[in-house]
Amino acid sequence: MVSLLIVLYGLTLIYFALSERVNNYVVLLGIQGVLLFTIAFYNLRDINIVGLIFILLETIVVKTFLIPYFLNRVRRHNNLKRVQEHSIPVFYSVLIIVLLLVTGFVLGNQLEVKSIQSKFFSISIASLLSGLFFVIIHKNVFSHLVGYLIIENGMFLLSLAVGNEMPVLVSLAIMIDIFIGILVIGIFLNKVGDVFQSTNIDELSQLKN
């Protein structure tokens, strides 16, 4: 079951590269939240009940509902519909994401540390690299925020890779980080949209004038 969920998560990374509609990005992040919730539920049943409830609430409440809700408000405020500022064609983006997924699973299979679960390590590396790649190829601030959230989901998966040793502590640190990051970037994004009527990062060069 967990392997199927990991495969589905990998497919969402590919679909991020295929899509140009901002609304699809928000939906995909919500889907990733549901997948992370289900993965955590199946993998962390052996930890104490308080820790399990905290992690499940983080995934289903924060990642699946609160973050998409916040992003939708930002999207509507800035009238964002499509993001077309790709620095490389979509076909090559998909190809690179597939290569990153393959790289992640190759690294995971070569991992010989028994305390680390290779399946979670593999997909977490792929998610971290895919999020970074997503940021690199886009020129829109909103897309950068989405890429940051993909990276954060990869960090969550990486916390699962270390097993049941310290998932609550890691998840708490990640949740604080994501709240601060989204709040700062969201406010910044709205201000940029209000001043420049655009969320393209090229507009930020005007700030130095």
N, C-alpha and C. Protein backbone atom coordinates (compact mmCIF):
# COMPACT_ATOMS: atom_id res chain seq x y z
N MET A 1 0.82 -1.21 0.00
CA MET A 1 0.00 0.00 0.00
C MET A 1 0.86 1.27 0.00
N VAL A 2 1.87 1.28 0.89
CA VAL A 2 2.75 2.46 0.98
C VAL A 2 3.49 2.67 -0.33
N SER A 3 3.92 1.57 -0.96
CA SER A 3 4.65 1.68 -2.24
C SER A 3 3.77 2.32 -3.31
N LEU A 4 2.49 1.95 -3.32
CA LEU A 4 1.55 2.54 -4.28
C LEU A 4 1.40 4.03 -4.03
N LEU A 5 1.31 4.42 -2.77
CA LEU A 5 1.19 5.83 -2.41
C LEU A 5 2.43 6.62 -2.83
N ILE A 6 3.60 6.00 -2.68
CA ILE A 6 4.85 6.65 -3.10
C ILE A 6 4.87 6.85 -4.61
N VAL A 7 4.40 5.84 -5.35
CA VAL A 7 4.32 5.96 -6.81
C VAL A 7 3.38 7.09 -7.21
N LEU A 8 2.23 7.17 -6.54
CA LEU A 8 1.28 8.25 -6.82
C LEU A 8 1.89 9.62 -6.51
N TYR A 9 2.66 9.70 -5.43
CA TYR A 9 3.33 10.95 -5.10
C TYR A 9 4.31 11.33 -6.20
N GLY A 10 5.04 10.34 -6.71
CA GLY A 10 5.97 10.59 -7.81
C GLY A 10 5.25 11.09 -9.05
N LEU A 11 4.04 10.57 -9.30
CA LEU A 11 3.26 11.03 -10.45
C LEU A 11 2.84 12.48 -10.30
N THR A 12 2.56 12.92 -9.07
CA THR A 12 2.21 14.33 -8.87
C THR A 12 3.38 15.24 -9.23
N LEU A 13 4.60 14.79 -8.96
CA LEU A 13 5.78 15.58 -9.32
C LEU A 13 5.88 15.74 -10.84
N ILE A 14 5.57 14.67 -11.55
CA ILE A 14 5.59 14.73 -13.01
C ILE A 14 4.51 15.67 -13.52
N TYR A 15 3.33 15.60 -12.90
CA TYR A 15 2.22 16.44 -13.35
C TYR A 15 2.49 17.93 -13.07
N PHE A 16 3.27 18.21 -12.02
CA PHE A 16 3.67 19.60 -11.78
C PHE A 16 4.42 20.15 -12.99
N ALA A 17 5.27 19.32 -13.58
CA ALA A 17 6.05 19.75 -14.74
C ALA A 17 5.18 19.91 -15.98
N LEU A 18 4.09 19.12 -16.06
CA LEU A 18 3.21 19.17 -17.23
C LEU A 18 2.26 20.36 -17.20
N SER A 19 1.85 20.77 -16.02
CA SER A 19 0.78 21.76 -15.90
C SER A 19 1.31 23.19 -15.96
N GLU A 20 0.47 24.06 -16.52
CA GLU A 20 0.77 25.49 -16.54
C GLU A 20 -0.30 26.29 -15.82
N ARG A 21 -1.36 25.64 -15.39
CA ARG A 21 -2.45 26.33 -14.71
C ARG A 21 -2.16 26.42 -13.21
N VAL A 22 -2.26 27.63 -12.68
CA VAL A 22 -1.95 27.86 -11.27
C VAL A 22 -2.89 27.07 -10.36
N ASN A 23 -4.16 26.98 -10.77
CA ASN A 23 -5.12 26.23 -9.97
C ASN A 23 -4.72 24.76 -9.82
N ASN A 24 -4.12 24.20 -10.88
CA ASN A 24 -3.66 22.81 -10.82
C ASN A 24 -2.55 22.63 -9.79
N TYR A 25 -1.69 23.64 -9.66
CA TYR A 25 -0.63 23.57 -8.66
C TYR A 25 -1.22 23.44 -7.26
N VAL A 26 -2.26 24.24 -7.00
CA VAL A 26 -2.90 24.21 -5.68
C VAL A 26 -3.54 22.85 -5.43
N VAL A 27 -4.23 22.33 -6.44
CA VAL A 27 -4.88 21.02 -6.30
C VAL A 27 -3.85 19.92 -6.07
N LEU A 28 -2.75 19.98 -6.80
CA LEU A 28 -1.70 18.97 -6.65
C LEU A 28 -1.09 19.00 -5.26
N LEU A 29 -0.90 20.19 -4.71
CA LEU A 29 -0.37 20.28 -3.34
C LEU A 29 -1.36 19.67 -2.34
N GLY A 30 -2.67 19.87 -2.58
CA GLY A 30 -3.67 19.26 -1.73
C GLY A 30 -3.63 17.74 -1.84
N ILE A 31 -3.46 17.22 -3.06
CA ILE A 31 -3.35 15.78 -3.26
C ILE A 31 -2.12 15.22 -2.56
N GLN A 32 -1.00 15.96 -2.65
CA GLN A 32 0.19 15.52 -1.94
C GLN A 32 -0.05 15.48 -0.43
N GLY A 33 -0.83 16.43 0.08
CA GLY A 33 -1.16 16.42 1.50
C GLY A 33 -1.92 15.16 1.90
N VAL A 34 -2.90 14.76 1.06
CA VAL A 34 -3.66 13.54 1.33
C VAL A 34 -2.75 12.31 1.29
N LEU A 35 -1.86 12.27 0.30
CA LEU A 35 -0.93 11.14 0.18
C LEU A 35 0.01 11.06 1.38
N LEU A 36 0.52 12.22 1.83
CA LEU A 36 1.41 12.24 2.99
C LEU A 36 0.66 11.82 4.25
N PHE A 37 -0.58 12.24 4.36
CA PHE A 37 -1.42 11.83 5.50
C PHE A 37 -1.55 10.30 5.53
N THR A 38 -1.88 9.71 4.38
CA THR A 38 -2.08 8.26 4.32
C THR A 38 -0.77 7.51 4.56
N ILE A 39 0.33 8.01 3.99
CA ILE A 39 1.63 7.39 4.20
C ILE A 39 2.02 7.42 5.67
N ALA A 40 1.83 8.58 6.30
CA ALA A 40 2.17 8.72 7.72
C ALA A 40 1.31 7.80 8.58
N PHE A 41 0.02 7.69 8.23
CA PHE A 41 -0.89 6.83 8.99
C PHE A 41 -0.44 5.38 8.96
N TYR A 42 -0.05 4.89 7.78
CA TYR A 42 0.38 3.50 7.65
C TYR A 42 1.75 3.25 8.25
N ASN A 43 2.61 4.28 8.23
CA ASN A 43 4.01 4.05 8.63
C ASN A 43 4.28 4.34 10.10
N LEU A 44 3.48 5.16 10.74
CA LEU A 44 3.82 5.64 12.09
C LEU A 44 2.84 5.16 13.16
N ARG A 45 2.19 4.05 12.95
CA ARG A 45 1.21 3.57 13.92
C ARG A 45 1.85 3.11 15.22
N ASP A 46 3.16 2.86 15.19
CA ASP A 46 3.83 2.34 16.38
C ASP A 46 4.29 3.42 17.35
N ILE A 47 4.25 4.69 16.95
CA ILE A 47 4.68 5.75 17.86
C ILE A 47 3.55 6.08 18.83
N ASN A 48 3.84 6.91 19.84
CA ASN A 48 2.81 7.24 20.82
C ASN A 48 1.65 7.98 20.17
N ILE A 49 0.46 7.84 20.75
CA ILE A 49 -0.76 8.33 20.13
C ILE A 49 -0.76 9.84 19.95
N VAL A 50 -0.15 10.58 20.90
CA VAL A 50 -0.10 12.04 20.80
C VAL A 50 0.73 12.45 19.59
N GLY A 51 1.88 11.82 19.42
CA GLY A 51 2.74 12.12 18.28
C GLY A 51 2.07 11.78 16.96
N LEU A 52 1.38 10.65 16.93
CA LEU A 52 0.69 10.25 15.71
C LEU A 52 -0.40 11.24 15.34
N ILE A 53 -1.19 11.65 16.34
CA ILE A 53 -2.27 12.60 16.08
C ILE A 53 -1.70 13.93 15.57
N PHE A 54 -0.59 14.38 16.17
CA PHE A 54 0.03 15.64 15.74
C PHE A 54 0.45 15.57 14.27
N ILE A 55 1.11 14.49 13.90
CA ILE A 55 1.60 14.37 12.53
C ILE A 55 0.44 14.24 11.55
N LEU A 56 -0.57 13.49 11.91
CA LEU A 56 -1.72 13.33 11.02
C LEU A 56 -2.47 14.64 10.85
N LEU A 57 -2.60 15.41 11.94
CA LEU A 57 -3.25 16.72 11.84
C LEU A 57 -2.44 17.67 10.97
N GLU A 58 -1.12 17.58 11.10
CA GLU A 58 -0.26 18.45 10.28
C GLU A 58 -0.48 18.18 8.80
N THR A 59 -0.57 16.90 8.44
CA THR A 59 -0.70 16.55 7.03
C THR A 59 -2.10 16.82 6.50
N ILE A 60 -3.12 16.38 7.23
CA ILE A 60 -4.48 16.50 6.68
C ILE A 60 -5.04 17.90 6.86
N VAL A 61 -4.72 18.59 7.94
CA VAL A 61 -5.27 19.92 8.18
C VAL A 61 -4.43 20.99 7.49
N VAL A 62 -3.11 20.98 7.78
CA VAL A 62 -2.24 22.03 7.26
C VAL A 62 -1.96 21.85 5.78
N LYS A 63 -1.45 20.69 5.39
CA LYS A 63 -1.02 20.48 4.01
C LYS A 63 -2.18 20.31 3.04
N THR A 64 -3.28 19.69 3.50
CA THR A 64 -4.37 19.39 2.59
C THR A 64 -5.40 20.51 2.49
N PHE A 65 -5.60 21.25 3.58
CA PHE A 65 -6.66 22.27 3.58
C PHE A 65 -6.13 23.70 3.76
N LEU A 66 -5.37 23.96 4.82
CA LEU A 66 -4.97 25.33 5.12
C LEU A 66 -4.08 25.93 4.03
N ILE A 67 -3.04 25.19 3.63
CA ILE A 67 -2.12 25.71 2.61
C ILE A 67 -2.82 25.94 1.27
N PRO A 68 -3.58 24.96 0.74
CA PRO A 68 -4.31 25.23 -0.51
C PRO A 68 -5.28 26.41 -0.39
N TYR A 69 -5.93 26.55 0.77
CA TYR A 69 -6.84 27.68 0.99
C TYR A 69 -6.07 29.00 0.91
N PHE A 70 -4.93 29.07 1.57
CA PHE A 70 -4.10 30.28 1.55
C PHE A 70 -3.63 30.58 0.14
N LEU A 71 -3.16 29.56 -0.57
CA LEU A 71 -2.66 29.76 -1.94
C LEU A 71 -3.77 30.22 -2.87
N ASN A 72 -4.97 29.69 -2.68
CA ASN A 72 -6.10 30.12 -3.51
C ASN A 72 -6.42 31.59 -3.28
N ARG A 73 -6.32 32.05 -2.03
CA ARG A 73 -6.55 33.47 -1.75
C ARG A 73 -5.49 34.33 -2.43
N VAL A 74 -4.24 33.89 -2.36
CA VAL A 74 -3.16 34.62 -3.02
C VAL A 74 -3.37 34.62 -4.53
N ARG A 75 -3.77 33.48 -5.07
CA ARG A 75 -4.01 33.35 -6.51
C ARG A 75 -5.11 34.30 -6.97
N ARG A 76 -6.21 34.34 -6.24
CA ARG A 76 -7.32 35.21 -6.62
C ARG A 76 -6.95 36.69 -6.47
N HIS A 77 -6.22 36.99 -5.39
CA HIS A 77 -5.82 38.38 -5.15
C HIS A 77 -4.97 38.93 -6.29
N ASN A 78 -4.12 38.07 -6.83
CA ASN A 78 -3.22 38.50 -7.91
C ASN A 78 -3.72 38.11 -9.29
N ASN A 79 -4.94 37.56 -9.35
CA ASN A 79 -5.56 37.18 -10.62
C ASN A 79 -4.64 36.28 -11.45
N LEU A 80 -4.11 35.26 -10.80
CA LEU A 80 -3.21 34.33 -11.47
C LEU A 80 -3.98 33.17 -12.05
N LYS A 81 -3.78 32.89 -13.34
CA LYS A 81 -4.47 31.78 -13.99
C LYS A 81 -3.49 30.78 -14.59
N ARG A 82 -2.55 31.29 -15.34
CA ARG A 82 -1.56 30.41 -15.97
C ARG A 82 -0.16 30.95 -15.70
N VAL A 83 0.79 30.02 -15.58
CA VAL A 83 2.19 30.40 -15.41
C VAL A 83 2.94 29.87 -16.63
N GLN A 84 3.38 30.77 -17.48
CA GLN A 84 3.98 30.37 -18.75
C GLN A 84 5.46 30.74 -18.85
N GLU A 85 6.01 31.26 -17.75
CA GLU A 85 7.39 31.72 -17.82
C GLU A 85 8.37 30.58 -17.56
N HIS A 86 8.27 29.50 -18.37
CA HIS A 86 9.21 28.40 -18.25
C HIS A 86 10.51 28.76 -18.98
N SER A 87 11.62 28.47 -18.35
CA SER A 87 12.89 28.73 -19.03
C SER A 87 13.27 27.60 -19.97
N ILE A 88 12.60 26.43 -19.84
CA ILE A 88 12.83 25.31 -20.75
C ILE A 88 11.48 24.72 -21.14
N PRO A 89 11.38 24.04 -22.31
CA PRO A 89 10.10 23.46 -22.74
C PRO A 89 9.56 22.43 -21.76
N VAL A 90 8.23 22.26 -21.78
CA VAL A 90 7.57 21.33 -20.87
C VAL A 90 8.09 19.90 -21.04
N PHE A 91 8.31 19.49 -22.28
CA PHE A 91 8.79 18.12 -22.53
C PHE A 91 10.09 17.84 -21.79
N TYR A 92 11.02 18.78 -21.85
CA TYR A 92 12.30 18.59 -21.17
C TYR A 92 12.14 18.66 -19.65
N SER A 93 11.17 19.48 -19.19
CA SER A 93 10.90 19.53 -17.75
C SER A 93 10.43 18.18 -17.24
N VAL A 94 9.51 17.56 -17.98
CA VAL A 94 9.00 16.24 -17.60
C VAL A 94 10.14 15.22 -17.61
N LEU A 95 10.96 15.29 -18.65
CA LEU A 95 12.08 14.35 -18.76
C LEU A 95 13.04 14.50 -17.57
N ILE A 96 13.32 15.72 -17.19
CA ILE A 96 14.22 15.97 -16.07
C ILE A 96 13.61 15.47 -14.76
N ILE A 97 12.31 15.68 -14.55
CA ILE A 97 11.65 15.20 -13.34
C ILE A 97 11.72 13.67 -13.27
N VAL A 98 11.49 13.02 -14.40
CA VAL A 98 11.60 11.55 -14.45
C VAL A 98 13.02 11.11 -14.09
N LEU A 99 14.01 11.82 -14.62
CA LEU A 99 15.41 11.49 -14.31
C LEU A 99 15.71 11.70 -12.82
N LEU A 100 15.12 12.74 -12.24
CA LEU A 100 15.30 12.99 -10.81
C LEU A 100 14.67 11.89 -9.97
N LEU A 101 13.50 11.40 -10.41
CA LEU A 101 12.86 10.28 -9.72
C LEU A 101 13.73 9.03 -9.80
N VAL A 102 14.25 8.78 -10.97
CA VAL A 102 15.14 7.61 -11.15
C VAL A 102 16.38 7.76 -10.29
N THR A 103 16.94 8.97 -10.27
CA THR A 103 18.13 9.23 -9.45
C THR A 103 17.85 8.97 -7.98
N GLY A 104 16.68 9.45 -7.51
CA GLY A 104 16.32 9.25 -6.12
C GLY A 104 16.24 7.78 -5.76
N PHE A 105 15.61 6.98 -6.61
CA PHE A 105 15.45 5.56 -6.32
C PHE A 105 16.77 4.79 -6.47
N VAL A 106 17.63 5.24 -7.37
CA VAL A 106 18.95 4.61 -7.48
C VAL A 106 19.76 4.87 -6.21
N LEU A 107 19.73 6.11 -5.72
CA LEU A 107 20.44 6.44 -4.48
C LEU A 107 19.86 5.67 -3.30
N GLY A 108 18.52 5.54 -3.28
CA GLY A 108 17.87 4.80 -2.20
C GLY A 108 18.25 3.34 -2.19
N ASN A 109 18.35 2.73 -3.37
CA ASN A 109 18.71 1.32 -3.46
C ASN A 109 20.15 1.06 -3.07
N GLN A 110 20.99 2.08 -3.23
CA GLN A 110 22.40 1.92 -2.86
C GLN A 110 22.66 2.25 -1.39
N LEU A 111 21.63 2.75 -0.71
CA LEU A 111 21.78 3.12 0.70
C LEU A 111 21.91 1.87 1.55
N GLU A 112 22.93 1.85 2.40
CA GLU A 112 23.19 0.67 3.22
C GLU A 112 23.04 0.94 4.70
N VAL A 113 22.39 2.05 5.06
CA VAL A 113 22.15 2.39 6.46
C VAL A 113 20.83 1.77 6.88
N LYS A 114 20.88 0.82 7.80
CA LYS A 114 19.69 0.07 8.18
C LYS A 114 18.64 0.93 8.89
N SER A 115 19.08 2.00 9.54
CA SER A 115 18.14 2.84 10.28
C SER A 115 17.33 3.77 9.38
N ILE A 116 17.67 3.81 8.10
CA ILE A 116 16.97 4.67 7.14
C ILE A 116 16.17 3.81 6.18
N GLN A 117 14.90 4.11 6.03
CA GLN A 117 14.04 3.37 5.10
C GLN A 117 14.25 3.90 3.68
N SER A 118 14.76 3.06 2.82
CA SER A 118 15.20 3.49 1.49
C SER A 118 14.06 4.02 0.62
N LYS A 119 12.85 3.45 0.77
CA LYS A 119 11.74 3.89 -0.10
C LYS A 119 11.36 5.34 0.19
N PHE A 120 11.38 5.73 1.46
CA PHE A 120 11.06 7.12 1.79
C PHE A 120 12.24 8.03 1.47
N PHE A 121 13.44 7.53 1.66
CA PHE A 121 14.62 8.32 1.32
C PHE A 121 14.64 8.63 -0.17
N SER A 122 14.30 7.64 -0.99
CA SER A 122 14.33 7.80 -2.45
C SER A 122 13.36 8.88 -2.92
N ILE A 123 12.11 8.77 -2.49
CA ILE A 123 11.11 9.73 -2.95
C ILE A 123 11.32 11.11 -2.33
N SER A 124 11.90 11.15 -1.14
CA SER A 124 12.18 12.46 -0.52
C SER A 124 13.26 13.20 -1.30
N ILE A 125 14.29 12.50 -1.71
CA ILE A 125 15.35 13.12 -2.52
C ILE A 125 14.79 13.62 -3.84
N ALA A 126 13.94 12.79 -4.46
CA ALA A 126 13.32 13.19 -5.73
C ALA A 126 12.45 14.42 -5.54
N SER A 127 11.72 14.50 -4.42
CA SER A 127 10.85 15.65 -4.16
C SER A 127 11.67 16.90 -3.89
N LEU A 128 12.74 16.77 -3.11
CA LEU A 128 13.60 17.92 -2.83
C LEU A 128 14.20 18.48 -4.12
N LEU A 129 14.73 17.60 -4.96
CA LEU A 129 15.35 18.04 -6.21
C LEU A 129 14.31 18.60 -7.18
N SER A 130 13.14 17.98 -7.22
CA SER A 130 12.07 18.44 -8.13
C SER A 130 11.59 19.83 -7.72
N GLY A 131 11.44 20.05 -6.40
CA GLY A 131 11.04 21.37 -5.93
C GLY A 131 12.05 22.43 -6.27
N LEU A 132 13.33 22.10 -6.10
CA LEU A 132 14.39 23.04 -6.45
C LEU A 132 14.39 23.33 -7.95
N PHE A 133 14.20 22.29 -8.75
CA PHE A 133 14.14 22.45 -10.20
C PHE A 133 12.94 23.31 -10.60
N PHE A 134 11.81 23.10 -9.92
CA PHE A 134 10.59 23.87 -10.19
C PHE A 134 10.83 25.36 -9.96
N VAL A 135 11.57 25.67 -8.90
CA VAL A 135 11.89 27.07 -8.61
C VAL A 135 12.80 27.65 -9.69
N ILE A 136 13.78 26.88 -10.11
CA ILE A 136 14.78 27.35 -11.07
C ILE A 136 14.16 27.70 -12.43
N ILE A 137 13.21 26.88 -12.89
CA ILE A 137 12.71 27.05 -14.27
C ILE A 137 11.57 28.07 -14.37
N HIS A 138 11.08 28.58 -13.24
CA HIS A 138 9.99 29.55 -13.29
C HIS A 138 10.47 30.94 -12.89
N LYS A 139 9.78 31.94 -13.43
CA LYS A 139 10.11 33.32 -13.11
C LYS A 139 9.01 34.00 -12.30
N ASN A 140 8.01 33.20 -11.89
CA ASN A 140 6.88 33.76 -11.15
C ASN A 140 7.05 33.49 -9.66
N VAL A 141 6.80 34.50 -8.83
CA VAL A 141 6.98 34.36 -7.39
C VAL A 141 6.05 33.29 -6.83
N PHE A 142 4.83 33.21 -7.35
CA PHE A 142 3.89 32.19 -6.90
C PHE A 142 4.44 30.79 -7.16
N SER A 143 5.02 30.60 -8.32
CA SER A 143 5.62 29.30 -8.64
C SER A 143 6.77 28.98 -7.70
N HIS A 144 7.51 29.99 -7.31
CA HIS A 144 8.60 29.77 -6.35
C HIS A 144 8.05 29.31 -5.01
N LEU A 145 6.92 29.87 -4.61
CA LEU A 145 6.29 29.43 -3.37
C LEU A 145 5.85 27.98 -3.48
N VAL A 146 5.28 27.60 -4.62
CA VAL A 146 4.87 26.22 -4.85
C VAL A 146 6.09 25.29 -4.79
N GLY A 147 7.18 25.71 -5.41
CA GLY A 147 8.40 24.91 -5.37
C GLY A 147 8.91 24.72 -3.96
N TYR A 148 8.84 25.77 -3.17
CA TYR A 148 9.24 25.70 -1.76
C TYR A 148 8.39 24.68 -1.01
N LEU A 149 7.09 24.62 -1.30
CA LEU A 149 6.20 23.67 -0.64
C LEU A 149 6.49 22.23 -1.07
N ILE A 150 6.87 22.05 -2.32
CA ILE A 150 7.27 20.71 -2.79
C ILE A 150 8.53 20.27 -2.04
N ILE A 151 9.47 21.19 -1.87
CA ILE A 151 10.68 20.88 -1.11
C ILE A 151 10.32 20.52 0.33
N GLU A 152 9.38 21.26 0.92
CA GLU A 152 8.97 20.99 2.30
C GLU A 152 8.33 19.61 2.43
N ASN A 153 7.53 19.22 1.44
CA ASN A 153 6.95 17.87 1.45
C ASN A 153 8.04 16.81 1.36
N GLY A 154 9.08 17.12 0.60
CA GLY A 154 10.22 16.21 0.54
C GLY A 154 10.92 16.08 1.89
N MET A 155 11.00 17.19 2.62
CA MET A 155 11.59 17.15 3.96
C MET A 155 10.75 16.30 4.91
N PHE A 156 9.42 16.38 4.76
CA PHE A 156 8.55 15.54 5.57
C PHE A 156 8.80 14.06 5.28
N LEU A 157 8.91 13.71 4.01
CA LEU A 157 9.20 12.32 3.64
C LEU A 157 10.56 11.88 4.16
N LEU A 158 11.51 12.82 4.17
CA LEU A 158 12.84 12.49 4.68
C LEU A 158 12.78 12.19 6.18
N SER A 159 11.89 12.90 6.89
CA SER A 159 11.72 12.62 8.32
C SER A 159 11.14 11.23 8.53
N LEU A 160 10.29 10.77 7.60
CA LEU A 160 9.76 9.42 7.69
C LEU A 160 10.83 8.38 7.40
N ALA A 161 11.82 8.76 6.61
CA ALA A 161 12.87 7.82 6.23
C ALA A 161 13.71 7.38 7.43
N VAL A 162 13.79 8.23 8.44
CA VAL A 162 14.61 7.86 9.61
C VAL A 162 13.85 6.96 10.56
N GLY A 163 12.61 6.57 10.18
CA GLY A 163 11.85 5.63 10.99
C GLY A 163 11.05 6.32 12.06
N ASN A 164 10.84 5.64 13.15
CA ASN A 164 9.99 6.15 14.23
C ASN A 164 10.79 6.80 15.35
N GLU A 165 12.01 7.23 15.06
CA GLU A 165 12.87 7.74 16.12
C GLU A 165 12.48 9.15 16.56
N MET A 166 12.27 10.05 15.61
CA MET A 166 12.01 11.44 16.00
C MET A 166 11.09 12.15 15.02
N PRO A 167 10.02 11.52 14.53
CA PRO A 167 9.17 12.18 13.53
C PRO A 167 8.43 13.39 14.06
N VAL A 168 8.03 13.38 15.33
CA VAL A 168 7.27 14.50 15.88
C VAL A 168 8.13 15.75 15.95
N LEU A 169 9.36 15.60 16.44
CA LEU A 169 10.27 16.74 16.54
C LEU A 169 10.56 17.33 15.17
N VAL A 170 10.82 16.47 14.22
CA VAL A 170 11.10 16.93 12.86
C VAL A 170 9.88 17.62 12.26
N SER A 171 8.71 17.01 12.44
CA SER A 171 7.49 17.58 11.89
C SER A 171 7.16 18.93 12.50
N LEU A 172 7.41 19.08 13.80
CA LEU A 172 7.17 20.35 14.47
C LEU A 172 8.06 21.44 13.89
N ALA A 173 9.32 21.13 13.71
CA ALA A 173 10.25 22.10 13.14
C ALA A 173 9.85 22.48 11.72
N ILE A 174 9.43 21.48 10.94
CA ILE A 174 9.03 21.73 9.56
C ILE A 174 7.77 22.59 9.52
N MET A 175 6.80 22.31 10.40
CA MET A 175 5.55 23.05 10.38
C MET A 175 5.77 24.52 10.74
N ILE A 176 6.63 24.77 11.73
CA ILE A 176 6.95 26.15 12.08
C ILE A 176 7.61 26.86 10.90
N ASP A 177 8.53 26.15 10.27
CA ASP A 177 9.24 26.70 9.12
C ASP A 177 8.29 27.03 7.98
N ILE A 178 7.35 26.14 7.72
CA ILE A 178 6.45 26.34 6.60
C ILE A 178 5.48 27.49 6.87
N PHE A 179 5.01 27.62 8.11
CA PHE A 179 4.11 28.72 8.45
C PHE A 179 4.81 30.06 8.26
N ILE A 180 6.03 30.15 8.75
CA ILE A 180 6.78 31.40 8.62
C ILE A 180 7.06 31.70 7.16
N GLY A 181 7.49 30.68 6.42
CA GLY A 181 7.82 30.87 5.02
C GLY A 181 6.63 31.30 4.19
N ILE A 182 5.49 30.63 4.37
CA ILE A 182 4.30 30.95 3.60
C ILE A 182 3.79 32.34 3.96
N LEU A 183 3.80 32.66 5.25
CA LEU A 183 3.32 33.98 5.68
C LEU A 183 4.15 35.10 5.06
N VAL A 184 5.47 34.98 5.15
CA VAL A 184 6.35 36.02 4.63
C VAL A 184 6.24 36.12 3.10
N ILE A 185 6.34 34.96 2.42
CA ILE A 185 6.30 34.97 0.96
C ILE A 185 4.92 35.40 0.45
N GLY A 186 3.85 34.95 1.15
CA GLY A 186 2.51 35.31 0.73
C GLY A 186 2.27 36.81 0.81
N ILE A 187 2.66 37.42 1.92
CA ILE A 187 2.51 38.87 2.07
C ILE A 187 3.36 39.59 1.03
N PHE A 188 4.59 39.12 0.84
CA PHE A 188 5.48 39.71 -0.15
C PHE A 188 4.88 39.61 -1.55
N LEU A 189 4.31 38.43 -1.87
CA LEU A 189 3.72 38.21 -3.18
C LEU A 189 2.56 39.16 -3.43
N ASN A 190 1.71 39.32 -2.43
CA ASN A 190 0.57 40.24 -2.58
C ASN A 190 1.03 41.67 -2.79
N LYS A 191 2.06 42.08 -2.05
CA LYS A 191 2.57 43.45 -2.19
C LYS A 191 3.18 43.68 -3.56
N VAL A 192 3.92 42.69 -4.06
CA VAL A 192 4.50 42.80 -5.40
C VAL A 192 3.39 42.92 -6.44
N GLY A 193 2.34 42.09 -6.28
CA GLY A 193 1.23 42.16 -7.23
C GLY A 193 0.52 43.49 -7.19
N ASP A 194 0.36 44.06 -5.99
CA ASP A 194 -0.32 45.35 -5.86
C ASP A 194 0.49 46.48 -6.49
N VAL A 195 1.81 46.46 -6.30
CA VAL A 195 2.66 47.56 -6.76
C VAL A 195 2.95 47.46 -8.25
N PHE A 196 3.31 46.23 -8.71
CA PHE A 196 3.76 46.08 -10.10
C PHE A 196 2.70 45.50 -11.02
N GLN A 197 1.55 45.08 -10.45
CA GLN A 197 0.51 44.42 -11.24
C GLN A 197 1.05 43.18 -11.95
N SER A 198 2.04 42.57 -11.36
CA SER A 198 2.65 41.36 -11.93
C SER A 198 3.41 40.66 -10.82
N THR A 199 3.53 39.31 -10.95
CA THR A 199 4.31 38.55 -9.97
C THR A 199 5.55 37.95 -10.61
N ASN A 200 5.94 38.48 -11.75
CA ASN A 200 7.15 38.02 -12.41
C ASN A 200 8.36 38.55 -11.66
N ILE A 201 9.36 37.70 -11.42
CA ILE A 201 10.52 38.13 -10.64
C ILE A 201 11.35 39.17 -11.37
N ASP A 202 11.19 39.29 -12.69
CA ASP A 202 11.91 40.33 -13.42
C ASP A 202 11.51 41.71 -12.97
N GLU A 203 10.27 41.84 -12.47
CA GLU A 203 9.80 43.14 -12.00
C GLU A 203 10.53 43.59 -10.74
N LEU A 204 11.11 42.62 -10.00
CA LEU A 204 11.77 42.96 -8.76
C LEU A 204 13.04 43.77 -8.98
N SER A 205 13.56 43.74 -10.20
CA SER A 205 14.77 44.53 -10.48
C SER A 205 14.49 46.02 -10.35
N GLN A 206 13.20 46.40 -10.44
CA GLN A 206 12.85 47.81 -10.32
C GLN A 206 13.00 48.32 -8.88
N LEU A 207 13.06 47.41 -7.92
CA LEU A 207 13.15 47.80 -6.52
C LEU A 207 14.46 48.51 -6.22
N LYS A 208 15.49 48.25 -7.00
CA LYS A 208 16.78 48.86 -6.73
C LYS A 208 16.88 50.29 -7.24
N ASN A 209 15.88 50.68 -8.03
CA ASN A 209 15.89 52.04 -8.59
C ASN A 209 15.39 53.08 -7.59
